[in-house]
PDB file of N, CA and C in Angstrom:
ATOM      1  N   MET A   1      43.795 -25.228  36.650  1.00  0.00           N
ATOM      2  CA  MET A   1      41.673 -24.887  35.685  1.00  0.00           C
ATOM      3  C   MET A   1      41.446 -25.501  34.662  1.00  0.00           C
ATOM      4  N   ILE A   2      40.382 -26.404  34.438  1.00  0.00           N
ATOM      5  CA  ILE A   2      39.998 -26.970  33.910  1.00  0.00           C
ATOM      6  C   ILE A   2      39.622 -26.403  31.724  1.00  0.00           C
ATOM      7  N   ASN A   3      39.510 -26.913  30.912  1.00  0.00           N
ATOM      8  CA  ASN A   3      39.673 -26.703  29.972  1.00  0.00           C
ATOM      9  C   ASN A   3      38.703 -27.098  29.589  1.00  0.00           C
ATOM     10  N   ALA A   4      38.297 -26.197  28.052  1.00  0.00           N
ATOM     11  CA  ALA A   4      36.729 -26.474  27.782  1.00  0.00           C
ATOM     12  C   ALA A   4      36.721 -28.722  27.608  1.00  0.00           C
ATOM     13  N   PRO A   5      37.325 -29.157  26.640  1.00  0.00           N
ATOM     14  CA  PRO A   5      37.177 -30.462  26.283  1.00  0.00           C
ATOM     15  C   PRO A   5      36.989 -31.579  27.615  1.00  0.00           C
ATOM     16  N   GLN A   6      37.757 -31.532  28.601  1.00  0.00           N
ATOM     17  CA  GLN A   6      37.894 -31.997  30.068  1.00  0.00           C
ATOM     18  C   GLN A   6      36.615 -31.289  30.540  1.00  0.00           C
ATOM     19  N   LEU A   7      35.517 -30.185  30.173  1.00  0.00           N
ATOM     20  CA  LEU A   7      34.477 -30.045  30.823  1.00  0.00           C
ATOM     21  C   LEU A   7      33.596 -31.149  30.197  1.00  0.00           C
ATOM     22  N   GLN A   8      33.921 -30.891  29.416  1.00  0.00           N
ATOM     23  CA  GLN A   8      32.725 -31.642  27.775  1.00  0.00           C
ATOM     24  C   GLN A   8      32.737 -33.271  28.583  1.00  0.00           C
ATOM     25  N   HIS A   9      33.884 -33.768  28.757  1.00  0.00           N
ATOM     26  CA  HIS A   9      34.409 -34.692  29.243  1.00  0.00           C
ATOM     27  C   HIS A   9      33.139 -35.827  29.907  1.00  0.00           C
ATOM     28  N   LEU A  10      34.130 -34.456  31.314  1.00  0.00           N
ATOM     29  CA  LEU A  10      33.246 -34.765  32.762  1.00  0.00           C
ATOM     30  C   LEU A  10      31.576 -35.011  32.563  1.00  0.00           C
ATOM     31  N   LEU A  11      30.728 -34.238  32.302  1.00  0.00           N
ATOM     32  CA  LEU A  11      29.330 -33.333  31.632  1.00  0.00           C
ATOM     33  C   LEU A  11      28.813 -34.674  30.587  1.00  0.00           C
ATOM     34  N   GLN A  12      29.766 -35.449  30.123  1.00  0.00           N
ATOM     35  CA  GLN A  12      29.242 -36.544  28.959  1.00  0.00           C
ATOM     36  C   GLN A  12      28.752 -37.742  30.346  1.00  0.00           C
ATOM     37  N   LYS A  13      30.488 -37.645  31.493  1.00  0.00           N
ATOM     38  CA  LYS A  13      30.074 -39.032  32.040  1.00  0.00           C
ATOM     39  C   LYS A  13      29.580 -38.366  33.619  1.00  0.00           C
ATOM     40  N   ILE A  14      29.197 -37.882  34.136  1.00  0.00           N
ATOM     41  CA  ILE A  14      27.783 -37.216  35.206  1.00  0.00           C
ATOM     42  C   ILE A  14      26.958 -38.018  35.433  1.00  0.00           C
ATOM     43  N   SER A  15      25.685 -39.184  34.097  1.00  0.00           N
ATOM     44  CA  SER A  15      25.117 -40.006  34.473  1.00  0.00           C
ATOM     45  C   SER A  15      25.637 -40.372  35.148  1.00  0.00           C
ATOM     46  N   THR A  16      26.647 -41.076  34.816  1.00  0.00           N
ATOM     47  CA  THR A  16      27.365 -42.767  35.644  1.00  0.00           C
ATOM     48  C   THR A  16      27.388 -42.071  37.154  1.00  0.00           C
ATOM     49  N   VAL A  17      27.420 -40.636  37.880  1.00  0.00           N
ATOM     50  CA  VAL A  17      28.191 -39.891  38.901  1.00  0.00           C
ATOM     51  C   VAL A  17      26.627 -40.740  39.188  1.00  0.00           C
ATOM     52  N   ARG A  18      26.793 -41.374  40.721  1.00  0.00           N
ATOM     53  CA  ARG A  18      26.031 -42.123  42.391  1.00  0.00           C
ATOM     54  C   ARG A  18      26.502 -40.686  43.498  1.00  0.00           C
ATOM     55  N   ALA A  19      26.157 -39.880  43.785  1.00  0.00           N
ATOM     56  CA  ALA A  19      25.716 -38.715  44.739  1.00  0.00           C
ATOM     57  C   ALA A  19      24.574 -39.590  46.713  1.00  0.00           C
ATOM     58  N   ALA A  20      25.116 -38.941  47.599  1.00  0.00           N
ATOM     59  CA  ALA A  20      23.849 -39.046  49.054  1.00  0.00           C
ATOM     60  C   ALA A  20      24.335 -37.944  49.208  1.00  0.00           C
ATOM     61  N   VAL A  21      22.891 -36.721  49.591  1.00  0.00           N
ATOM     62  CA  VAL A  21      23.486 -35.389  50.507  1.00  0.00           C
ATOM     63  C   VAL A  21      22.370 -35.949  51.467  1.00  0.00           C
ATOM     64  N   ILE A  22      22.786 -35.882  52.959  1.00  0.00           N
ATOM     65  CA  ILE A  22      22.769 -35.875  54.349  1.00  0.00           C
ATOM     66  C   ILE A  22      23.136 -34.160  54.689  1.00  0.00           C
ATOM     67  N   GLY A  23      21.380 -34.067  54.768  1.00  0.00           N
ATOM     68  CA  GLY A  23      22.226 -32.123  55.511  1.00  0.00           C
ATOM     69  C   GLY A  23      20.700 -32.256  56.496  1.00  0.00           C
ATOM     70  N   ASP A  24      21.077 -30.633  56.393  1.00  0.00           N
ATOM     71  CA  ASP A  24      19.406 -29.768  57.036  1.00  0.00           C
ATOM     72  C   ASP A  24      18.529 -29.736  55.754  1.00  0.00           C
ATOM     73  N   PHE A  25      17.557 -30.450  55.672  1.00  0.00           N
ATOM     74  CA  PHE A  25      16.375 -30.135  54.458  1.00  0.00           C
ATOM     75  C   PHE A  25      15.024 -29.243  55.466  1.00  0.00           C
ATOM     76  N   CYS A  26      14.634 -28.852  54.069  1.00  0.00           N
ATOM     77  CA  CYS A  26      13.837 -27.521  54.803  1.00  0.00           C
ATOM     78  C   CYS A  26      13.010 -27.829  53.092  1.00  0.00           C
ATOM     79  N   LEU A  27      11.798 -27.125  53.314  1.00  0.00           N
ATOM     80  CA  LEU A  27      10.772 -26.506  52.571  1.00  0.00           C
ATOM     81  C   LEU A  27      10.427 -24.839  52.497  1.00  0.00           C
ATOM     82  N   ASP A  28      10.991 -24.398  51.065  1.00  0.00           N
ATOM     83  CA  ASP A  28      10.918 -23.226  51.294  1.00  0.00           C
ATOM     84  C   ASP A  28       9.489 -22.427  50.918  1.00  0.00           C
ATOM     85  N   ALA A  29       8.602 -21.639  51.404  1.00  0.00           N
ATOM     86  CA  ALA A  29       7.065 -21.288  50.905  1.00  0.00           C
ATOM     87  C   ALA A  29       7.459 -19.901  50.817  1.00  0.00           C
ATOM     88  N   TYR A  30       6.938 -20.042  48.992  1.00  0.00           N
ATOM     89  CA  TYR A  30       6.932 -18.505  48.463  1.00  0.00           C
ATOM     90  C   TYR A  30       5.569 -17.665  48.334  1.00  0.00           C
ATOM     91  N   TYR A  31       4.913 -16.739  49.785  1.00  0.00           N
ATOM     92  CA  TYR A  31       3.678 -16.885  49.315  1.00  0.00           C
ATOM     93  C   TYR A  31       2.837 -15.478  48.541  1.00  0.00           C
ATOM     94  N   PHE A  32       2.055 -16.090  47.788  1.00  0.00           N
ATOM     95  CA  PHE A  32       1.727 -14.927  46.713  1.00  0.00           C
ATOM     96  C   PHE A  32       1.060 -13.535  47.023  1.00  0.00           C
ATOM     97  N   LEU A  33       0.778 -12.434  46.892  1.00  0.00           N
ATOM     98  CA  LEU A  33       0.015 -11.475  48.275  1.00  0.00           C
ATOM     99  C   LEU A  33      -1.142 -11.134  46.531  1.00  0.00           C
ATOM    100  N   GLU A  34      -2.232 -10.953  47.375  1.00  0.00           N
ATOM    101  CA  GLU A  34      -3.977 -10.545  46.499  1.00  0.00           C
ATOM    102  C   GLU A  34      -3.837  -8.985  46.662  1.00  0.00           C
ATOM    103  N   PRO A  35      -3.684  -8.105  46.707  1.00  0.00           N
ATOM    104  CA  PRO A  35      -3.725  -6.364  47.474  1.00  0.00           C
ATOM    105  C   PRO A  35      -4.874  -6.047  46.967  1.00  0.00           C
ATOM    106  N   ALA A  36      -5.265  -5.938  45.979  1.00  0.00           N
ATOM    107  CA  ALA A  36      -7.387  -6.332  46.123  1.00  0.00           C
ATOM    108  C   ALA A  36      -8.120  -6.604  46.755  1.00  0.00           C
ATOM    109  N   ALA A  37      -7.776  -7.568  47.512  1.00  0.00           N
ATOM    110  CA  ALA A  37      -8.522  -8.477  47.933  1.00  0.00           C
ATOM    111  C   ALA A  37      -8.341  -7.587  49.416  1.00  0.00           C
ATOM    112  N   ALA A  38      -8.286  -7.238  50.118  1.00  0.00           N
ATOM    113  CA  ALA A  38      -7.463  -6.922  51.349  1.00  0.00           C
ATOM    114  C   ALA A  38      -8.181  -5.843  51.592  1.00  0.00           C
ATOM    115  N   GLU A  39      -9.160  -5.621  52.879  1.00  0.00           N
ATOM    116  CA  GLU A  39      -9.478  -5.062  53.695  1.00  0.00           C
ATOM    117  C   GLU A  39      -9.277  -4.996  55.078  1.00  0.00           C
ATOM    118  N   ILE A  40      -9.388  -3.830  56.567  1.00  0.00           N
ATOM    119  CA  ILE A  40      -9.094  -3.347  57.805  1.00  0.00           C
ATOM    120  C   ILE A  40      -9.662  -4.813  58.282  1.00  0.00           C
ATOM    121  N   SER A  41      -8.590  -5.073  59.309  1.00  0.00           N
ATOM    122  CA  SER A  41      -8.676  -6.541  60.028  1.00  0.00           C
ATOM    123  C   SER A  41     -10.101  -5.788  60.666  1.00  0.00           C
ATOM    124  N   VAL A  42     -11.398  -6.343  61.219  1.00  0.00           N
ATOM    125  CA  VAL A  42     -11.993  -5.253  62.717  1.00  0.00           C
ATOM    126  C   VAL A  42     -11.694  -5.658  63.805  1.00  0.00           C
ATOM    127  N   GLU A  43     -10.178  -6.651  64.327  1.00  0.00           N
ATOM    128  CA  GLU A  43      -9.568  -6.980  65.715  1.00  0.00           C
ATOM    129  C   GLU A  43      -8.521  -5.915  65.522  1.00  0.00           C
ATOM    130  N   THR A  44      -7.673  -5.399  64.415  1.00  0.00           N
ATOM    131  CA  THR A  44      -6.574  -4.529  65.246  1.00  0.00           C
ATOM    132  C   THR A  44      -6.549  -3.031  63.608  1.00  0.00           C
ATOM    133  N   GLY A  45      -7.336  -3.600  63.102  1.00  0.00           N
ATOM    134  CA  GLY A  45      -8.098  -2.142  62.560  1.00  0.00           C
ATOM    135  C   GLY A  45      -6.457  -1.502  60.672  1.00  0.00           C
ATOM    136  N   LEU A  46      -5.557  -2.298  60.898  1.00  0.00           N
ATOM    137  CA  LEU A  46      -4.574  -2.623  60.264  1.00  0.00           C
ATOM    138  C   LEU A  46      -5.196  -3.574  58.471  1.00  0.00           C
ATOM    139  N   PRO A  47      -4.291  -3.226  57.800  1.00  0.00           N
ATOM    140  CA  PRO A  47      -4.877  -4.000  56.054  1.00  0.00           C
ATOM    141  C   PRO A  47      -4.124  -5.330  56.881  1.00  0.00           C
ATOM    142  N   THR A  48      -5.604  -5.997  55.652  1.00  0.00           N
ATOM    143  CA  THR A  48      -4.957  -7.343  55.912  1.00  0.00           C
ATOM    144  C   THR A  48      -4.036  -7.429  54.370  1.00  0.00           C
ATOM    145  N   ARG A  49      -3.564  -8.713  54.672  1.00  0.00           N
ATOM    146  CA  ARG A  49      -2.699  -9.318  53.081  1.00  0.00           C
ATOM    147  C   ARG A  49      -2.875 -10.196  52.148  1.00  0.00           C
ATOM    148  N   PRO A  50      -4.376 -10.646  51.873  1.00  0.00           N
ATOM    149  CA  PRO A  50      -4.755 -12.359  51.560  1.00  0.00           C
ATOM    150  C   PRO A  50      -3.508 -12.795  50.916  1.00  0.00           C
ATOM    151  N   VAL A  51      -3.917 -14.075  50.517  1.00  0.00           N
ATOM    152  CA  VAL A  51      -2.957 -15.063  49.802  1.00  0.00           C
ATOM    153  C   VAL A  51      -3.112 -15.966  49.055  1.00  0.00           C
ATOM    154  N   ARG A  52      -2.967 -15.081  47.128  1.00  0.00           N
ATOM    155  CA  ARG A  52      -3.783 -15.851  45.964  1.00  0.00           C
ATOM    156  C   ARG A  52      -2.750 -16.903  46.108  1.00  0.00           C
ATOM    157  N   SER A  53      -1.851 -17.224  46.349  1.00  0.00           N
ATOM    158  CA  SER A  53      -1.385 -18.723  46.654  1.00  0.00           C
ATOM    159  C   SER A  53      -0.149 -18.466  47.037  1.00  0.00           C
ATOM    160  N   ILE A  54       0.265 -20.255  47.294  1.00  0.00           N
ATOM    161  CA  ILE A  54       1.594 -20.351  47.674  1.00  0.00           C
ATOM    162  C   ILE A  54       2.446 -22.004  46.470  1.00  0.00           C
ATOM    163  N   ARG A  55       3.151 -21.667  46.965  1.00  0.00           N
ATOM    164  CA  ARG A  55       4.960 -22.535  45.682  1.00  0.00           C
ATOM    165  C   ARG A  55       5.045 -22.831  46.965  1.00  0.00           C
ATOM    166  N   PHE A  56       5.022 -24.586  46.191  1.00  0.00           N
ATOM    167  CA  PHE A  56       6.638 -25.014  47.952  1.00  0.00           C
ATOM    168  C   PHE A  56       8.166 -25.286  46.957  1.00  0.00           C
ATOM    169  N   THR A  57       8.838 -24.739  47.423  1.00  0.00           N
ATOM    170  CA  THR A  57      10.491 -25.989  46.941  1.00  0.00           C
ATOM    171  C   THR A  57      11.036 -26.619  47.985  1.00  0.00           C
ATOM    172  N   PRO A  58      11.943 -27.001  47.940  1.00  0.00           N
ATOM    173  CA  PRO A  58      13.516 -28.160  48.777  1.00  0.00           C
ATOM    174  C   PRO A  58      13.917 -26.872  48.638  1.00  0.00           C
ATOM    175  N   GLY A  59      14.404 -26.396  50.118  1.00  0.00           N
ATOM    176  CA  GLY A  59      15.475 -25.400  50.000  1.00  0.00           C
ATOM    177  C   GLY A  59      16.740 -26.107  50.815  1.00  0.00           C
ATOM    178  N   GLY A  60      17.687 -25.063  51.286  1.00  0.00           N
ATOM    179  CA  GLY A  60      18.308 -25.906  52.354  1.00  0.00           C
ATOM    180  C   GLY A  60      19.009 -26.718  51.346  1.00  0.00           C
ATOM    181  N   ALA A  61      19.719 -27.933  52.621  1.00  0.00           N
ATOM    182  CA  ALA A  61      20.084 -29.685  51.434  1.00  0.00           C
ATOM    183  C   ALA A  61      19.257 -29.582  49.784  1.00  0.00           C
ATOM    184  N   GLY A  62      18.172 -29.581  49.979  1.00  0.00           N
ATOM    185  CA  GLY A  62      16.924 -30.145  49.277  1.00  0.00           C
ATOM    186  C   GLY A  62      17.105 -28.989  47.784  1.00  0.00           C
ATOM    187  N   THR A  63      18.363 -28.220  47.977  1.00  0.00           N
ATOM    188  CA  THR A  63      18.011 -27.100  46.923  1.00  0.00           C
ATOM    189  C   THR A  63      19.481 -27.549  46.221  1.00  0.00           C
ATOM    190  N   ILE A  64      21.005 -28.424  46.902  1.00  0.00           N
ATOM    191  CA  ILE A  64      21.841 -28.520  46.311  1.00  0.00           C
ATOM    192  C   ILE A  64      21.346 -30.121  45.881  1.00  0.00           C
ATOM    193  N   VAL A  65      20.675 -31.440  46.411  1.00  0.00           N
ATOM    194  CA  VAL A  65      19.951 -32.240  45.188  1.00  0.00           C
ATOM    195  C   VAL A  65      19.186 -31.723  44.082  1.00  0.00           C
ATOM    196  N   ASN A  66      18.321 -30.683  44.149  1.00  0.00           N
ATOM    197  CA  ASN A  66      17.324 -30.673  42.851  1.00  0.00           C
ATOM    198  C   ASN A  66      18.625 -30.015  41.614  1.00  0.00           C
ATOM    199  N   ASN A  67      20.169 -29.031  42.325  1.00  0.00           N
ATOM    200  CA  ASN A  67      21.348 -29.229  41.442  1.00  0.00           C
ATOM    201  C   ASN A  67      21.470 -30.701  40.550  1.00  0.00           C
ATOM    202  N   LEU A  68      21.860 -31.629  41.868  1.00  0.00           N
ATOM    203  CA  LEU A  68      21.927 -32.479  41.397  1.00  0.00           C
ATOM    204  C   LEU A  68      21.297 -33.073  39.347  1.00  0.00           C
ATOM    205  N   VAL A  69      20.300 -33.003  40.357  1.00  0.00           N
ATOM    206  CA  VAL A  69      19.153 -34.200  39.793  1.00  0.00           C
ATOM    207  C   VAL A  69      18.866 -33.467  38.306  1.00  0.00           C
ATOM    208  N   SER A  70      19.040 -31.671  38.612  1.00  0.00           N
ATOM    209  CA  SER A  70      18.566 -31.148  37.628  1.00  0.00           C
ATOM    210  C   SER A  70      20.517 -31.801  36.226  1.00  0.00           C
ATOM    211  N   ILE A  71      20.981 -31.628  36.669  1.00  0.00           N
ATOM    212  CA  ILE A  71      22.647 -31.602  35.828  1.00  0.00           C
ATOM    213  C   ILE A  71      22.977 -32.944  35.258  1.00  0.00           C
ATOM    214  N   GLY A  72      21.906 -33.987  35.705  1.00  0.00           N
ATOM    215  CA  GLY A  72      22.424 -34.977  35.098  1.00  0.00           C
ATOM    216  C   GLY A  72      22.307 -36.265  36.640  1.00  0.00           C
ATOM    217  N   VAL A  73      22.878 -36.255  37.185  1.00  0.00           N
ATOM    218  CA  VAL A  73      23.467 -36.594  37.798  1.00  0.00           C
ATOM    219  C   VAL A  73      22.709 -38.616  37.915  1.00  0.00           C
ATOM    220  N   GLY A  74      23.683 -38.953  37.910  1.00  0.00           N
ATOM    221  CA  GLY A  74      22.698 -40.184  37.858  1.00  0.00           C
ATOM    222  C   GLY A  74      21.416 -41.392  38.756  1.00  0.00           C
ATOM    223  N   ALA A  75      22.276 -40.784  40.066  1.00  0.00           N
ATOM    224  CA  ALA A  75      21.245 -41.320  41.620  1.00  0.00           C
ATOM    225  C   ALA A  75      22.143 -41.128  42.247  1.00  0.00           C
ATOM    226  N   VAL A  76      20.923 -39.707  42.673  1.00  0.00           N
ATOM    227  CA  VAL A  76      21.135 -39.228  43.917  1.00  0.00           C
ATOM    228  C   VAL A  76      20.049 -40.257  44.979  1.00  0.00           C
ATOM    229  N   SER A  77      20.232 -39.893  45.694  1.00  0.00           N
ATOM    230  CA  SER A  77      20.028 -40.354  47.741  1.00  0.00           C
ATOM    231  C   SER A  77      19.480 -39.472  48.414  1.00  0.00           C
ATOM    232  N   VAL A  78      19.055 -39.122  49.024  1.00  0.00           N
ATOM    233  CA  VAL A  78      18.403 -38.555  50.233  1.00  0.00           C
ATOM    234  C   VAL A  78      18.392 -39.211  51.247  1.00  0.00           C
ATOM    235  N   PHE A  79      18.988 -38.785  52.182  1.00  0.00           N
ATOM    236  CA  PHE A  79      19.484 -39.013  54.165  1.00  0.00           C
ATOM    237  C   PHE A  79      18.436 -37.461  54.466  1.00  0.00           C
ATOM    238  N   GLY A  80      18.079 -38.290  55.688  1.00  0.00           N
ATOM    239  CA  GLY A  80      17.147 -37.053  56.230  1.00  0.00           C
ATOM    240  C   GLY A  80      16.046 -37.541  57.252  1.00  0.00           C
ATOM    241  N   ILE A  81      15.427 -36.553  58.243  1.00  0.00           N
ATOM    242  CA  ILE A  81      13.798 -36.360  58.999  1.00  0.00           C
ATOM    243  C   ILE A  81      13.352 -35.905  58.390  1.00  0.00           C
ATOM    244  N   VAL A  82      12.040 -36.937  58.564  1.00  0.00           N
ATOM    245  CA  VAL A  82      11.012 -35.791  57.330  1.00  0.00           C
ATOM    246  C   VAL A  82       9.732 -35.921  58.419  1.00  0.00           C
ATOM    247  N   GLY A  83       8.617 -34.654  59.116  1.00  0.00           N
ATOM    248  CA  GLY A  83       7.704 -34.954  58.951  1.00  0.00           C
ATOM    249  C   GLY A  83       6.756 -35.861  58.971  1.00  0.00           C
ATOM    250  N   ASP A  84       5.485 -36.285  59.928  1.00  0.00           N
ATOM    251  CA  ASP A  84       4.652 -36.657  58.921  1.00  0.00           C
ATOM    252  C   ASP A  84       3.289 -35.302  59.281  1.00  0.00           C
ATOM    253  N   ASP A  85       3.708 -34.000  58.587  1.00  0.00           N
ATOM    254  CA  ASP A  85       2.873 -33.671  59.018  1.00  0.00           C
ATOM    255  C   ASP A  85       2.531 -33.040  57.401  1.00  0.00           C
ATOM    256  N   LEU A  86       1.953 -31.751  56.772  1.00  0.00           N
ATOM    257  CA  LEU A  86       1.916 -31.453  55.437  1.00  0.00           C
ATOM    258  C   LEU A  86       3.019 -30.856  54.871  1.00  0.00           C
ATOM    259  N   PHE A  87       4.027 -30.335  55.701  1.00  0.00           N
ATOM    260  CA  PHE A  87       5.103 -29.755  55.113  1.00  0.00           C
ATOM    261  C   PHE A  87       6.292 -31.287  54.986  1.00  0.00           C
ATOM    262  N   GLY A  88       5.984 -32.284  55.497  1.00  0.00           N
ATOM    263  CA  GLY A  88       7.196 -33.868  55.563  1.00  0.00           C
ATOM    264  C   GLY A  88       6.300 -34.047  53.752  1.00  0.00           C
ATOM    265  N   ARG A  89       5.182 -34.697  53.777  1.00  0.00           N
ATOM    266  CA  ARG A  89       4.895 -34.943  52.691  1.00  0.00           C
ATOM    267  C   ARG A  89       4.828 -33.833  51.381  1.00  0.00           C
ATOM    268  N   GLU A  90       4.715 -32.834  51.446  1.00  0.00           N
ATOM    269  CA  GLU A  90       5.414 -31.990  50.628  1.00  0.00           C
ATOM    270  C   GLU A  90       6.515 -32.211  49.578  1.00  0.00           C
ATOM    271  N   MET A  91       7.878 -32.348  51.212  1.00  0.00           N
ATOM    272  CA  MET A  91       9.001 -32.362  50.814  1.00  0.00           C
ATOM    273  C   MET A  91       8.836 -33.695  49.717  1.00  0.00           C
ATOM    274  N   ALA A  92       8.392 -34.380  50.454  1.00  0.00           N
ATOM    275  CA  ALA A  92       8.604 -36.121  49.945  1.00  0.00           C
ATOM    276  C   ALA A  92       7.736 -36.358  48.691  1.00  0.00           C
ATOM    277  N   ARG A  93       7.069 -35.299  48.364  1.00  0.00           N
ATOM    278  CA  ARG A  93       6.195 -35.056  47.596  1.00  0.00           C
ATOM    279  C   ARG A  93       6.939 -34.449  46.012  1.00  0.00           C
ATOM    280  N   GLN A  94       7.416 -33.406  46.405  1.00  0.00           N
ATOM    281  CA  GLN A  94       9.194 -32.716  45.578  1.00  0.00           C
ATOM    282  C   GLN A  94      10.075 -33.000  45.609  1.00  0.00           C
ATOM    283  N   PHE A  95      10.567 -34.617  45.636  1.00  0.00           N
ATOM    284  CA  PHE A  95      11.767 -35.006  46.112  1.00  0.00           C
ATOM    285  C   PHE A  95      10.922 -36.084  44.452  1.00  0.00           C
ATOM    286  N   SER A  96      10.151 -36.830  44.962  1.00  0.00           N
ATOM    287  CA  SER A  96       9.606 -37.931  44.194  1.00  0.00           C
ATOM    288  C   SER A  96       9.021 -36.988  43.209  1.00  0.00           C
ATOM    289  N   GLN A  97       9.048 -36.342  43.350  1.00  0.00           N
ATOM    290  CA  GLN A  97       8.186 -35.150  41.525  1.00  0.00           C
ATOM    291  C   GLN A  97       9.914 -35.001  40.625  1.00  0.00           C
ATOM    292  N   ALA A  98      11.077 -34.517  41.780  1.00  0.00           N
ATOM    293  CA  ALA A  98      11.949 -34.831  40.708  1.00  0.00           C
ATOM    294  C   ALA A  98      12.926 -36.173  40.494  1.00  0.00           C
ATOM    295  N   GLY A  99      12.784 -37.098  41.099  1.00  0.00           N
ATOM    296  CA  GLY A  99      12.985 -38.221  40.220  1.00  0.00           C
ATOM    297  C   GLY A  99      13.961 -38.448  41.400  1.00  0.00           C
TER     298      GLY A  99
END
């Protein structure tokens, strides 16, 4: 069991920690709907689900990276494969923005 002074000491030193994350990175997409703009589809006869906005966040190992950065780990290196497509570029942008 760790006591409060030990935890405080560890947290003060966290900016000197260097971490590497190798894992399964993915991009989580959250679609926010606008039900008031729905209409009946001509093709299916079912109501549409119009999207008001989309938000992307790193998921999988990306969540770990974001957590390490947010608690103040000094240097976080990320190792993975990223595609040269919309989602790969968004993932790289998200990591770049997070530092």
